[in-house]
Amino acid sequence: MPPDERHSTPTEPATTEPDEAGAKLPPPADEPAEGTARAGGEAPATRGRRLALSTAFFSFATGLSRIAGLAREIIAAGLFGVSGVMSAFTIAFQVPNLVRALVADSALQGAFVPVFTELLEKGERREAFRLASGLFFLLTVVLGALTALFVLAAPALIPLVAPGFDPALESLTVSLARLMFPIVLLLALSGLVVGMLNSFEHFSVPALAPLAWNFVIIGALVGLTPVLPDGDEIYAYAIGVLVGTVVQLVLPMPWLRGRGGRISLSTGLRDPRVWRVLKLMLPVTIALGLINFSLLINSLFGTLVSEEAPAAIDKAFRIYMLPQGLFSVAVATILFPTLSRFAARGAVDDLRATMANGVRAISLLLIPSAALIAVLAEPITRLVYERGAFGAGATDLVAAALFWWAFSLPFQGVSLLFSRTFFSLQRPWVTTALAGANLALNAVVALALYRPLGVAGIVIGTVVSTVAMTVGQATLLRRDLGGIESARTLAAAARMLLAAAALAGVAYAVWVPLDAALGRSLAAQAAAIGAALTAGTAVYAVAVMLLRVPEARQVAGLLRERVGRER
């Protein structure tokens, strides 16, 4: 749900360096305020360590945000369960979130970062800031007008995406959507600021901003819900989203100072680079909009299953997004500027190697995450959500959706990195075409399965389309880059799957007797699931080392080096 949680953007230069196992490390990242694009002069080993630390920090910050986001969802679930009002909020948020995907945040960054980075690489910093200023002005004018238009048109638009709602829920959805729609403008401007900071290799504050977003919403849920009139408590959630987004925009701004330029008043209408970014945004916008539209499709079909279904699918998606944000978003965010630099330099071999290594790193982390989520879907859902207004029936609904979400986890992570690769090559139309075809596939499968299978059938539609999207992107990148190290990647993935199968068996075998022996108190559930996760993860770690997965040895080498330095 947090707008930042699915897509971000940063930067990096340099070359890749083989580790002791022969696997290449992607280049580096986060530095102090004076950090700029580097053309060289830094030892490759130092670059590799710097990237590893930057990626670790970004993952840590993203992890904190995900944990806070999960806490937010737990509080909301306890207050509203998977009731009709929660489904109304879910769809009301998804509408501006879809528009945000079209014109803000990731779509903007996907087009802006490569051009801004290219200007920095050429030493044209003043021109880079002129570009940013022109975009800032245009976004403010255009998206401000779009917000006003939506506020007027919402009563006609909302019934199109919530056909199963009764008039009362439909009216509530309209009001909530109107209240939250200004986040489209706020997130567009925030995406521009974050893209600039990431292009200067500054990741820390942008990575922490989503944490503040979640804290503000938690504060609103806890503080406003008790004082709002009966029946209007859900507005606390919407108010928190709006205020939190303002904080997310303002928080990183001071770190733009001292970068050799500033945002100024400029229309940008005569700047060819502004129009270049806008032209690049068009296919990126369509592609990311289509990808995000799949969530709206899920909610649309969900309203035809029951008024609880949209909220149940969304609650499962929140758990699914925890490992996604911890691992794939972090890797793709750190590597995107690096891929953009390699593309700008025409260094195809470095780009291919960096991308392929990123794919294997994402797979190493998301394949076991998917196995754990699938085998422990029901106990995880029960532990996270089942309290207050969230009962056993809601657990069954959410667990069914979560089980099927798990199968798309590795594919979604790899697809994100593939999309960033196309964006770095400034060839986003490829992903756009694939996204359109897969949106249709998603809708067709969901239409065929929602009646017999309910929420499971709806989520299966998204899983099928995500797998198809990833395979299509891989096929085209293999052609365009002269290969994507597919044989090496598939061999590594096969070994990861074997290790994940062992993980799933051990985790389930540990959880079953502990659950029976300890009971269902909150502490007992946490202990049983914690023991299962720990045992399964330990087995997976040993298995990938025994199976000689290079990326596992790479991570182990980095950890040994880190521990050695601390001693």
Protein backbone atom coordinates (compact mmCIF):
# COMPACT_ATOMS: atom_id res chain seq x y z
CA MET A 1 0.00 0.00 0.00
CA PRO A 2 2.66 2.59 0.82
CA PRO A 3 3.39 4.23 -2.48
CA ASP A 4 7.09 3.87 -1.99
CA GLU A 5 7.02 0.22 -1.19
CA ARG A 6 6.91 -1.23 -4.58
CA HIS A 7 9.20 1.03 -6.59
CA SER A 8 12.01 3.40 -5.77
CA THR A 9 15.10 4.63 -7.57
CA PRO A 10 18.76 5.44 -6.97
CA THR A 11 22.21 5.45 -8.68
CA GLU A 12 25.71 4.14 -9.02
CA PRO A 13 28.68 3.84 -11.30
CA ALA A 14 31.73 1.71 -11.60
CA THR A 15 32.61 -1.75 -12.61
CA THR A 16 31.83 -5.10 -11.13
CA GLU A 17 34.35 -7.13 -9.26
CA PRO A 18 34.52 -10.93 -8.91
CA ASP A 19 34.28 -12.22 -5.38
CA GLU A 20 36.10 -15.26 -4.09
CA ALA A 21 33.54 -17.56 -5.66
CA GLY A 22 33.73 -15.92 -9.02
CA ALA A 23 30.36 -14.20 -8.80
CA LYS A 24 30.35 -10.51 -9.67
CA LEU A 25 29.43 -7.90 -7.15
CA PRO A 26 27.33 -5.02 -8.39
CA PRO A 27 28.80 -1.54 -7.84
CA PRO A 28 28.35 0.80 -4.84
CA ALA A 29 26.18 3.46 -3.38
CA ASP A 30 25.32 5.72 -0.45
CA GLU A 31 27.63 8.55 0.51
CA PRO A 32 27.57 11.94 2.22
CA ALA A 33 26.12 15.12 0.86
CA GLU A 34 28.95 15.96 -1.45
CA GLY A 35 28.69 12.63 -3.29
CA THR A 36 28.53 12.99 -7.08
CA ALA A 37 28.73 10.74 -10.08
CA ARG A 38 32.11 9.04 -10.09
CA ALA A 39 34.06 8.43 -13.22
CA GLY A 40 36.77 6.41 -11.61
CA GLY A 41 39.63 6.66 -9.12
CA GLU A 42 38.12 4.23 -6.63
CA ALA A 43 39.45 0.71 -6.28
CA PRO A 44 37.00 -1.95 -7.48
CA ALA A 45 37.22 -3.80 -4.15
CA THR A 46 36.32 -0.59 -2.31
CA ARG A 47 33.42 -0.05 -4.67
CA GLY A 48 32.15 -3.55 -4.07
CA ARG A 49 32.29 -3.12 -0.29
CA ARG A 50 30.60 0.26 -0.54
CA LEU A 51 27.73 -1.20 -2.58
CA ALA A 52 27.35 -4.12 -0.18
CA LEU A 53 27.11 -1.72 2.77
CA SER A 54 24.74 0.57 0.87
CA THR A 55 22.52 -2.33 -0.12
CA ALA A 56 22.58 -3.63 3.45
CA PHE A 57 21.56 -0.22 4.82
CA PHE A 58 18.83 0.21 2.22
CA SER A 59 17.53 -3.28 2.99
CA PHE A 60 17.66 -2.50 6.71
CA ALA A 61 15.79 0.79 6.27
CA THR A 62 13.27 -0.82 3.95
CA GLY A 63 12.89 -3.64 6.45
CA LEU A 64 12.09 -1.16 9.21
CA SER A 65 9.54 0.47 6.96
CA ARG A 66 8.00 -2.91 6.12
CA ILE A 67 7.81 -3.83 9.78
CA ALA A 68 6.17 -0.48 10.55
CA GLY A 69 3.84 -1.04 7.60
CA LEU A 70 2.93 -4.45 8.94
CA ALA A 71 2.29 -2.88 12.34
CA ARG A 72 0.04 -0.37 10.59
CA GLU A 73 -1.86 -3.19 8.91
CA ILE A 74 -2.15 -5.13 12.17
CA ILE A 75 -3.66 -2.11 13.90
CA ALA A 76 -6.04 -1.49 10.98
CA ALA A 77 -7.04 -5.17 10.88
CA GLY A 78 -7.79 -5.12 14.60
CA LEU A 79 -9.96 -2.03 14.15
CA PHE A 80 -11.76 -2.88 10.90
CA GLY A 81 -11.10 -6.58 10.11
CA VAL A 82 -11.89 -7.38 6.47
CA SER A 83 -15.23 -5.59 6.67
CA GLY A 84 -16.97 -3.65 3.95
CA VAL A 85 -15.52 -0.34 5.19
CA MET A 86 -12.01 -1.80 4.96
CA SER A 87 -12.74 -2.91 1.40
CA ALA A 88 -14.03 0.61 0.65
CA PHE A 89 -10.76 2.08 1.93
CA THR A 90 -8.74 -0.46 -0.07
CA ILE A 91 -10.36 0.53 -3.36
CA ALA A 92 -10.39 4.24 -2.46
CA PHE A 93 -6.62 4.05 -1.96
CA GLN A 94 -6.00 1.95 -5.06
CA VAL A 95 -7.56 4.55 -7.38
CA PRO A 96 -5.09 7.40 -6.59
CA ASN A 97 -2.36 4.80 -6.21
CA LEU A 98 -3.02 3.70 -9.80
CA VAL A 99 -2.84 7.29 -11.02
CA ARG A 100 0.33 7.71 -8.95
CA ALA A 101 1.83 4.78 -10.83
CA LEU A 102 0.87 6.44 -14.11
CA VAL A 103 2.35 9.89 -13.54
CA ALA A 104 4.32 9.91 -10.31
CA ASP A 105 6.85 8.05 -8.27
CA SER A 106 8.23 5.08 -10.22
CA ALA A 107 7.04 6.14 -13.67
CA LEU A 108 8.61 9.56 -13.24
CA GLN A 109 11.82 8.16 -11.78
CA GLY A 110 12.10 5.50 -14.46
CA ALA A 111 12.26 8.25 -17.10
CA PHE A 112 13.95 11.00 -15.06
CA VAL A 113 16.88 9.19 -13.41
CA PRO A 114 18.61 8.02 -16.64
CA VAL A 115 18.46 11.55 -18.15
CA PHE A 116 19.46 13.32 -14.92
CA THR A 117 22.28 10.82 -14.37
CA GLU A 118 23.49 11.28 -17.94
CA LEU A 119 23.78 15.05 -17.38
CA LEU A 120 25.75 14.47 -14.17
CA GLU A 121 28.04 12.07 -16.00
CA LYS A 122 28.78 14.82 -18.53
CA GLY A 123 29.47 17.35 -15.76
CA GLU A 124 26.40 19.44 -16.67
CA ARG A 125 25.07 19.85 -13.16
CA ARG A 126 23.41 23.20 -13.75
CA GLU A 127 21.50 21.76 -16.70
CA ALA A 128 20.50 18.80 -14.57
CA PHE A 129 18.93 21.11 -11.97
CA ARG A 130 17.25 23.12 -14.72
CA LEU A 131 15.67 19.89 -15.93
CA ALA A 132 14.45 19.07 -12.41
CA SER A 133 13.02 22.59 -11.97
CA GLY A 134 11.06 22.41 -15.22
CA LEU A 135 9.58 19.05 -14.26
CA PHE A 136 8.71 20.29 -10.75
CA PHE A 137 6.67 23.16 -12.22
CA LEU A 138 4.88 21.05 -14.84
CA LEU A 139 4.00 18.33 -12.37
CA THR A 140 2.55 20.84 -9.92
CA VAL A 141 0.32 22.47 -12.54
CA VAL A 142 -0.83 19.33 -14.36
CA LEU A 143 -1.39 17.09 -11.34
CA GLY A 144 -3.02 19.89 -9.35
CA ALA A 145 -5.56 20.25 -12.14
CA LEU A 146 -6.01 16.46 -12.36
CA THR A 147 -6.74 16.31 -8.63
CA ALA A 148 -9.45 18.94 -8.94
CA LEU A 149 -10.96 17.08 -11.90
CA PHE A 150 -11.04 13.78 -9.99
CA VAL A 151 -12.77 15.34 -6.99
CA LEU A 152 -15.58 16.37 -9.34
CA ALA A 153 -15.71 13.11 -11.31
CA ALA A 154 -15.27 10.58 -8.45
CA PRO A 155 -19.00 9.71 -8.13
CA ALA A 156 -19.01 8.58 -11.76
CA LEU A 157 -15.66 6.77 -11.66
CA ILE A 158 -15.82 4.74 -8.44
CA PRO A 159 -18.81 2.55 -9.48
CA LEU A 160 -16.71 1.36 -12.44
CA VAL A 161 -14.12 -0.24 -10.14
CA ALA A 162 -16.50 -1.37 -7.38
CA PRO A 163 -19.47 -2.85 -9.24
CA GLY A 164 -20.47 -5.12 -6.36
CA PHE A 165 -20.75 -2.43 -3.67
CA ASP A 166 -24.08 -1.30 -2.30
CA PRO A 167 -24.89 2.48 -2.41
CA ALA A 168 -23.63 3.12 1.14
CA LEU A 169 -20.23 1.49 0.55
CA GLU A 170 -19.99 3.18 -2.84
CA SER A 171 -20.59 6.61 -1.26
CA LEU A 172 -17.97 5.91 1.42
CA THR A 173 -15.46 4.87 -1.22
CA VAL A 174 -16.04 8.10 -3.16
CA SER A 175 -15.45 10.25 -0.05
CA LEU A 176 -12.28 8.39 0.93
CA ALA A 177 -10.89 8.53 -2.61
CA ARG A 178 -11.50 12.29 -2.80
CA LEU A 179 -9.68 12.80 0.49
CA MET A 180 -6.63 10.78 -0.58
CA PHE A 181 -6.31 11.81 -4.23
CA PRO A 182 -3.90 14.73 -3.52
CA ILE A 183 -1.24 12.13 -2.75
CA VAL A 184 -0.79 11.81 -6.53
CA LEU A 185 0.76 15.30 -6.73
CA LEU A 186 2.65 14.90 -3.47
CA LEU A 187 4.19 11.59 -4.55
CA ALA A 188 5.15 12.94 -7.97
CA LEU A 189 7.14 15.73 -6.36
CA SER A 190 8.54 13.30 -3.79
CA GLY A 191 9.62 10.96 -6.59
CA LEU A 192 11.48 13.82 -8.28
CA VAL A 193 13.33 14.71 -5.06
CA VAL A 194 14.20 11.08 -4.33
CA GLY A 195 15.37 10.53 -7.91
CA MET A 196 17.74 13.50 -7.61
CA LEU A 197 19.18 12.31 -4.29
CA ASN A 198 19.63 8.79 -5.59
CA SER A 199 21.39 10.13 -8.69
CA PHE A 200 23.88 11.68 -6.27
CA GLU A 201 24.22 8.26 -4.64
CA HIS A 202 22.41 9.34 -1.49
CA PHE A 203 20.06 6.59 -0.38
CA SER A 204 19.77 6.83 3.40
CA VAL A 205 17.17 9.58 3.94
CA PRO A 206 14.97 8.51 0.98
CA ALA A 207 15.07 4.98 2.37
CA LEU A 208 13.92 6.20 5.79
CA ALA A 209 11.12 8.49 4.53
CA PRO A 210 8.63 5.59 4.13
CA LEU A 211 9.25 4.72 7.79
CA ALA A 212 8.03 8.19 8.74
CA TRP A 213 5.02 7.68 6.42
CA ASN A 214 4.02 4.56 8.33
CA PHE A 215 4.54 6.15 11.74
CA VAL A 216 2.26 9.06 10.84
CA ILE A 217 -0.50 6.68 9.74
CA ILE A 218 -0.13 4.57 12.88
CA GLY A 219 -0.43 7.76 14.93
CA ALA A 220 -3.60 8.71 13.06
CA LEU A 221 -5.15 5.26 13.53
CA VAL A 222 -4.38 5.22 17.23
CA GLY A 223 -5.14 8.87 17.94
CA LEU A 224 -8.05 9.72 15.64
CA THR A 225 -10.12 6.53 15.53
CA PRO A 226 -11.40 6.86 19.14
CA VAL A 227 -12.50 10.49 18.66
CA LEU A 228 -14.23 10.23 15.27
CA PRO A 229 -18.03 9.68 15.16
CA ASP A 230 -19.39 6.14 14.93
CA GLY A 231 -19.27 4.93 11.36
CA ASP A 232 -16.58 7.43 10.35
CA GLU A 233 -13.58 5.81 12.05
CA ILE A 234 -12.11 4.67 8.72
CA TYR A 235 -11.42 8.32 7.88
CA ALA A 236 -8.57 8.18 10.39
CA TYR A 237 -6.73 5.87 8.00
CA ALA A 238 -7.29 8.20 5.01
CA ILE A 239 -6.19 11.28 6.98
CA GLY A 240 -3.05 9.45 8.08
CA VAL A 241 -2.21 8.55 4.47
CA LEU A 242 -2.56 12.16 3.33
CA VAL A 243 -0.55 13.70 6.19
CA GLY A 244 2.07 10.96 6.00
CA THR A 245 2.59 11.64 2.31
CA VAL A 246 3.22 15.33 3.05
CA VAL A 247 5.87 14.29 5.57
CA GLN A 248 7.39 11.88 3.05
CA LEU A 249 7.78 14.74 0.55
CA VAL A 250 9.23 17.28 2.97
CA LEU A 251 11.64 15.01 4.88
CA PRO A 252 14.33 14.45 2.16
CA MET A 253 14.33 18.01 0.80
CA PRO A 254 17.07 19.49 3.04
CA TRP A 255 19.54 16.92 1.67
CA LEU A 256 19.38 18.54 -1.77
CA ARG A 257 21.34 21.49 -0.42
CA GLY A 258 25.01 21.67 -1.34
CA ARG A 259 24.58 19.66 -4.54
CA GLY A 260 25.63 22.49 -6.86
CA GLY A 261 22.14 23.65 -7.78
CA ARG A 262 18.61 24.20 -6.55
CA ILE A 263 15.00 23.87 -7.64
CA SER A 264 13.92 27.18 -9.18
CA LEU A 265 10.79 28.59 -10.79
CA SER A 266 10.94 27.47 -14.41
CA THR A 267 8.20 26.23 -16.70
CA GLY A 268 10.60 23.97 -18.59
CA LEU A 269 8.40 24.18 -21.67
CA ARG A 270 11.33 25.20 -23.86
CA ASP A 271 13.82 22.73 -22.39
CA PRO A 272 14.27 19.78 -24.81
CA ARG A 273 15.43 17.59 -21.92
CA VAL A 274 12.12 18.09 -20.13
CA TRP A 275 10.29 16.90 -23.23
CA ARG A 276 12.73 14.00 -23.51
CA VAL A 277 11.83 12.87 -19.99
CA LEU A 278 8.12 13.29 -20.73
CA LYS A 279 8.47 11.21 -23.91
CA LEU A 280 10.32 8.53 -21.95
CA MET A 281 7.64 8.68 -19.26
CA LEU A 282 4.86 7.83 -21.67
CA PRO A 283 5.72 4.16 -22.15
CA VAL A 284 6.96 3.84 -18.55
CA THR A 285 3.70 5.37 -17.37
CA ILE A 286 1.60 2.99 -19.42
CA ALA A 287 3.68 -0.03 -18.38
CA LEU A 288 3.66 0.69 -14.65
CA GLY A 289 0.04 1.80 -14.81
CA LEU A 290 -0.93 -1.49 -16.40
CA ILE A 291 1.08 -3.44 -13.82
CA ASN A 292 -0.58 -1.59 -10.94
CA PHE A 293 -3.98 -1.85 -12.60
CA SER A 294 -3.83 -5.58 -11.90
CA LEU A 295 -4.41 -4.84 -8.20
CA LEU A 296 -7.49 -2.84 -9.11
CA ILE A 297 -8.68 -5.76 -11.24
CA ASN A 298 -8.28 -8.01 -8.20
CA SER A 299 -10.42 -5.65 -6.12
CA LEU A 300 -13.00 -5.29 -8.89
CA PHE A 301 -13.54 -9.05 -9.10
CA GLY A 302 -13.32 -9.20 -5.31
CA THR A 303 -16.41 -6.99 -4.98
CA LEU A 304 -18.26 -9.62 -7.04
CA VAL A 305 -17.18 -12.39 -4.63
CA SER A 306 -18.11 -10.61 -1.38
CA GLU A 307 -17.69 -7.23 0.27
CA GLU A 308 -14.88 -8.72 2.39
CA ALA A 309 -12.86 -10.11 -0.53
CA PRO A 310 -11.06 -6.90 -1.65
CA ALA A 311 -9.80 -6.28 1.88
CA ALA A 312 -8.78 -9.94 2.29
CA ILE A 313 -6.74 -9.91 -0.93
CA ASP A 314 -5.11 -6.65 0.10
CA LYS A 315 -4.24 -7.89 3.59
CA ALA A 316 -2.54 -10.94 2.06
CA PHE A 317 -0.70 -8.66 -0.36
CA ARG A 318 0.72 -6.68 2.59
CA ILE A 319 2.41 -9.80 3.99
CA TYR A 320 3.58 -10.78 0.50
CA MET A 321 5.19 -7.36 0.06
CA LEU A 322 7.36 -7.68 3.17
CA PRO A 323 10.06 -9.90 1.59
CA GLN A 324 9.50 -8.15 -1.75
CA GLY A 325 10.46 -4.81 -0.23
CA LEU A 326 13.25 -6.22 1.91
CA PHE A 327 15.03 -7.87 -1.00
CA SER A 328 13.94 -7.24 -4.59
CA VAL A 329 13.03 -3.56 -4.22
CA ALA A 330 16.30 -2.95 -2.38
CA VAL A 331 18.43 -4.71 -5.01
CA ALA A 332 16.61 -3.10 -7.95
CA THR A 333 16.77 0.33 -6.32
CA ILE A 334 20.50 0.15 -5.71
CA LEU A 335 21.29 -1.27 -9.16
CA PHE A 336 19.05 0.96 -11.30
CA PRO A 337 21.43 3.94 -11.46
CA THR A 338 24.35 1.57 -12.09
CA LEU A 339 22.50 -0.01 -14.99
CA SER A 340 21.69 3.50 -16.27
CA ARG A 341 25.38 4.47 -16.19
CA PHE A 342 26.47 1.32 -17.96
CA ALA A 343 23.78 1.90 -20.58
CA ALA A 344 24.88 5.54 -21.04
CA ARG A 345 28.49 4.35 -21.54
CA GLY A 346 27.52 1.54 -23.89
CA ALA A 347 29.07 -0.99 -21.49
CA VAL A 348 26.74 -3.85 -22.45
CA ASP A 349 28.88 -6.60 -20.90
CA ASP A 350 28.96 -4.83 -17.53
CA LEU A 351 25.23 -4.11 -17.73
CA ARG A 352 24.43 -7.74 -18.53
CA ALA A 353 26.66 -9.11 -15.76
CA THR A 354 25.31 -6.68 -13.17
CA MET A 355 21.69 -7.44 -14.07
CA ALA A 356 22.23 -11.22 -14.10
CA ASN A 357 23.96 -11.13 -10.73
CA GLY A 358 21.05 -9.08 -9.38
CA VAL A 359 18.56 -11.65 -10.70
CA ARG A 360 20.38 -14.47 -8.90
CA ALA A 361 20.66 -12.43 -5.71
CA ILE A 362 16.91 -11.72 -5.75
CA SER A 363 16.16 -15.39 -6.43
CA LEU A 364 18.45 -16.51 -3.61
CA LEU A 365 16.34 -14.50 -1.17
CA LEU A 366 12.83 -14.70 -2.60
CA ILE A 367 12.64 -18.41 -3.45
CA PRO A 368 12.98 -19.43 0.23
CA SER A 369 10.65 -16.58 1.25
CA ALA A 370 8.01 -17.94 -1.13
CA ALA A 371 8.43 -21.46 0.26
CA LEU A 372 7.99 -20.27 3.84
CA ILE A 373 4.93 -18.15 3.03
CA ALA A 374 3.26 -20.97 1.09
CA VAL A 375 3.77 -23.66 3.71
CA LEU A 376 2.93 -21.43 6.69
CA ALA A 377 0.29 -19.17 5.11
CA GLU A 378 -2.44 -19.87 7.66
CA PRO A 379 -0.36 -19.65 10.87
CA ILE A 380 1.41 -16.51 9.62
CA THR A 381 -1.94 -14.87 8.84
CA ARG A 382 -3.33 -15.89 12.22
CA LEU A 383 -0.30 -14.53 14.08
CA VAL A 384 -0.21 -11.24 12.20
CA TYR A 385 -3.88 -10.33 12.01
CA GLU A 386 -6.26 -12.46 14.10
CA ARG A 387 -7.39 -10.19 16.92
CA GLY A 388 -10.08 -7.61 17.51
CA ALA A 389 -12.44 -7.37 14.53
CA PHE A 390 -10.32 -9.86 12.57
CA GLY A 391 -11.71 -13.35 13.24
CA ALA A 392 -11.08 -16.94 12.13
CA GLY A 393 -13.19 -16.53 8.99
CA ALA A 394 -11.06 -13.59 7.92
CA THR A 395 -7.93 -15.67 8.55
CA ASP A 396 -9.18 -18.36 6.17
CA LEU A 397 -9.86 -15.80 3.43
CA VAL A 398 -6.51 -14.04 3.77
CA ALA A 399 -4.51 -17.28 4.07
CA ALA A 400 -6.04 -18.62 0.85
CA ALA A 401 -4.97 -15.48 -0.99
CA LEU A 402 -1.53 -15.45 0.65
CA PHE A 403 -0.79 -19.06 -0.34
CA TRP A 404 -1.24 -18.22 -4.02
CA TRP A 405 0.53 -14.86 -3.78
CA ALA A 406 3.63 -16.77 -2.66
CA PHE A 407 4.07 -18.43 -6.06
CA SER A 408 4.56 -15.08 -7.79
CA LEU A 409 7.09 -13.76 -5.27
CA PRO A 410 10.39 -14.63 -7.05
CA PHE A 411 8.96 -13.80 -10.48
CA GLN A 412 7.74 -10.38 -9.33
CA GLY A 413 11.16 -9.56 -7.89
CA VAL A 414 13.01 -10.58 -11.06
CA SER A 415 10.46 -8.77 -13.25
CA LEU A 416 11.09 -5.56 -11.31
CA LEU A 417 14.82 -5.75 -12.08
CA PHE A 418 14.13 -6.60 -15.73
CA SER A 419 11.87 -3.53 -15.98
CA ARG A 420 14.60 -1.33 -14.53
CA THR A 421 17.02 -2.74 -17.09
CA PHE A 422 14.72 -1.74 -19.96
CA PHE A 423 14.28 1.70 -18.37
CA SER A 424 18.05 2.14 -18.04
CA LEU A 425 18.37 1.36 -21.75
CA GLN A 426 15.71 4.03 -22.34
CA ARG A 427 13.63 1.39 -24.13
CA PRO A 428 10.54 1.24 -21.91
CA TRP A 429 8.05 0.49 -24.70
CA VAL A 430 9.05 -3.17 -24.53
CA THR A 431 7.85 -3.51 -20.96
CA THR A 432 4.77 -1.48 -21.87
CA ALA A 433 3.69 -3.92 -24.55
CA LEU A 434 4.29 -6.90 -22.28
CA ALA A 435 2.40 -5.25 -19.41
CA GLY A 436 -0.62 -4.67 -21.65
CA ALA A 437 -0.72 -8.30 -22.77
CA ASN A 438 -0.33 -9.58 -19.23
CA LEU A 439 -3.01 -7.30 -17.85
CA ALA A 440 -5.41 -8.90 -20.31
CA LEU A 441 -4.18 -12.35 -19.26
CA ASN A 442 -4.71 -11.46 -15.59
CA ALA A 443 -8.26 -10.32 -16.26
CA VAL A 444 -9.14 -13.39 -18.35
CA VAL A 445 -7.83 -15.87 -15.76
CA ALA A 446 -9.51 -14.00 -12.87
CA LEU A 447 -12.78 -13.86 -14.81
CA ALA A 448 -12.63 -17.61 -15.39
CA LEU A 449 -11.74 -18.54 -11.82
CA TYR A 450 -13.36 -16.04 -9.43
CA ARG A 451 -16.71 -17.85 -9.31
CA PRO A 452 -15.45 -21.40 -8.61
CA LEU A 453 -12.40 -20.47 -6.51
CA GLY A 454 -13.23 -17.09 -4.94
CA VAL A 455 -10.25 -15.03 -3.77
CA ALA A 456 -7.85 -17.85 -4.71
CA GLY A 457 -9.00 -17.70 -8.34
CA ILE A 458 -8.51 -13.93 -8.44
CA VAL A 459 -4.95 -14.13 -7.11
CA ILE A 460 -4.09 -17.02 -9.46
CA GLY A 461 -4.83 -14.61 -12.33
CA THR A 462 -2.13 -12.27 -11.05
CA VAL A 463 0.33 -15.14 -10.51
CA VAL A 464 -0.12 -16.43 -14.07
CA SER A 465 0.32 -12.96 -15.57
CA THR A 466 3.41 -12.23 -13.44
CA VAL A 467 5.13 -15.44 -14.57
CA ALA A 468 4.27 -14.67 -18.20
CA MET A 469 5.59 -11.12 -17.83
CA THR A 470 8.91 -12.29 -16.41
CA VAL A 471 9.45 -14.91 -19.11
CA GLY A 472 8.61 -12.39 -21.83
CA GLN A 473 11.04 -9.80 -20.43
CA ALA A 474 13.81 -12.39 -20.14
CA THR A 475 13.32 -13.51 -23.73
CA LEU A 476 13.57 -9.98 -25.10
CA LEU A 477 16.53 -9.00 -22.91
CA ARG A 478 18.36 -12.13 -23.98
CA ARG A 479 18.02 -10.97 -27.58
CA ASP A 480 18.88 -7.33 -26.92
CA LEU A 481 21.88 -7.91 -24.63
CA GLY A 482 23.34 -10.91 -26.45
CA GLY A 483 22.42 -13.19 -23.55
CA ILE A 484 21.45 -12.84 -19.90
CA GLU A 485 23.58 -15.64 -18.39
CA SER A 486 20.43 -17.77 -18.48
CA ALA A 487 22.18 -21.15 -18.19
CA ARG A 488 24.08 -20.06 -15.09
CA THR A 489 20.98 -18.43 -13.59
CA LEU A 490 18.71 -21.43 -14.22
CA ALA A 491 21.30 -23.80 -12.76
CA ALA A 492 21.55 -21.65 -9.64
CA ALA A 493 17.75 -21.37 -9.41
CA ALA A 494 17.37 -25.17 -9.62
CA ARG A 495 19.72 -25.59 -6.66
CA MET A 496 17.88 -22.86 -4.76
CA LEU A 497 14.58 -24.70 -5.37
CA LEU A 498 16.04 -27.93 -3.97
CA ALA A 499 17.22 -26.07 -0.89
CA ALA A 500 13.82 -24.35 -0.57
CA ALA A 501 12.03 -27.71 -0.69
CA ALA A 502 14.14 -28.84 2.27
CA LEU A 503 13.35 -25.55 4.02
CA ALA A 504 9.60 -25.99 3.53
CA GLY A 505 9.63 -29.57 4.83
CA VAL A 506 11.65 -28.72 7.91
CA ALA A 507 9.66 -25.54 8.70
CA TYR A 508 6.33 -27.37 8.54
CA ALA A 509 7.66 -30.35 10.51
CA VAL A 510 8.84 -28.03 13.27
CA TRP A 511 5.67 -25.91 13.37
CA VAL A 512 3.06 -28.71 13.55
CA PRO A 513 4.12 -30.31 16.88
CA LEU A 514 4.97 -26.97 18.46
CA ASP A 515 1.57 -25.55 17.52
CA ALA A 516 -0.14 -28.57 19.07
CA ALA A 517 1.97 -28.45 22.22
CA LEU A 518 2.06 -24.70 22.87
CA GLY A 519 -1.48 -23.67 21.92
CA ARG A 520 -2.75 -20.53 20.22
CA SER A 521 -1.84 -17.69 22.56
CA LEU A 522 0.00 -14.85 20.83
CA ALA A 523 3.31 -15.76 22.49
CA ALA A 524 2.85 -19.45 21.68
CA GLN A 525 2.09 -18.73 18.02
CA ALA A 526 5.11 -16.44 17.77
CA ALA A 527 7.34 -19.10 19.35
CA ALA A 528 6.09 -21.89 17.06
CA ILE A 529 6.36 -19.86 13.87
CA GLY A 530 9.67 -18.32 14.94
CA ALA A 531 11.16 -21.75 15.56
CA ALA A 532 9.86 -23.00 12.20
CA LEU A 533 11.29 -19.99 10.35
CA THR A 534 14.63 -20.29 12.13
CA ALA A 535 14.98 -24.01 11.48
CA GLY A 536 13.90 -23.70 7.86
CA THR A 537 16.21 -20.77 7.18
CA ALA A 538 19.17 -22.59 8.76
CA VAL A 539 18.52 -25.65 6.60
CA TYR A 540 18.27 -23.46 3.48
CA ALA A 541 21.52 -21.65 4.30
CA VAL A 542 23.38 -24.92 4.76
CA ALA A 543 21.79 -26.44 1.66
CA VAL A 544 22.74 -23.61 -0.72
CA MET A 545 26.31 -23.72 0.59
CA LEU A 546 26.51 -27.50 0.14
CA LEU A 547 24.99 -27.16 -3.33
CA ARG A 548 27.65 -24.55 -4.10
CA VAL A 549 25.36 -21.72 -5.13
CA PRO A 550 27.87 -18.95 -5.97
CA GLU A 551 25.68 -16.11 -4.70
CA ALA A 552 25.39 -17.83 -1.31
CA ARG A 553 29.16 -18.04 -1.09
CA GLN A 554 29.32 -14.39 -2.12
CA VAL A 555 27.05 -13.35 0.73
CA ALA A 556 28.97 -15.55 3.18
CA GLY A 557 32.23 -13.96 2.06
CA LEU A 558 30.85 -10.46 2.59
CA LEU A 559 29.63 -11.42 6.07
CA ARG A 560 33.01 -12.91 7.00
CA GLU A 561 34.75 -9.78 5.77
CA ARG A 562 32.36 -7.58 7.75
CA VAL A 563 32.82 -9.58 10.95
CA GLY A 564 36.59 -9.56 10.45
CA ARG A 565 36.66 -5.77 10.15
CA GLU A 566 34.55 -5.34 13.29
CA ARG A 567 36.96 -7.52 15.26
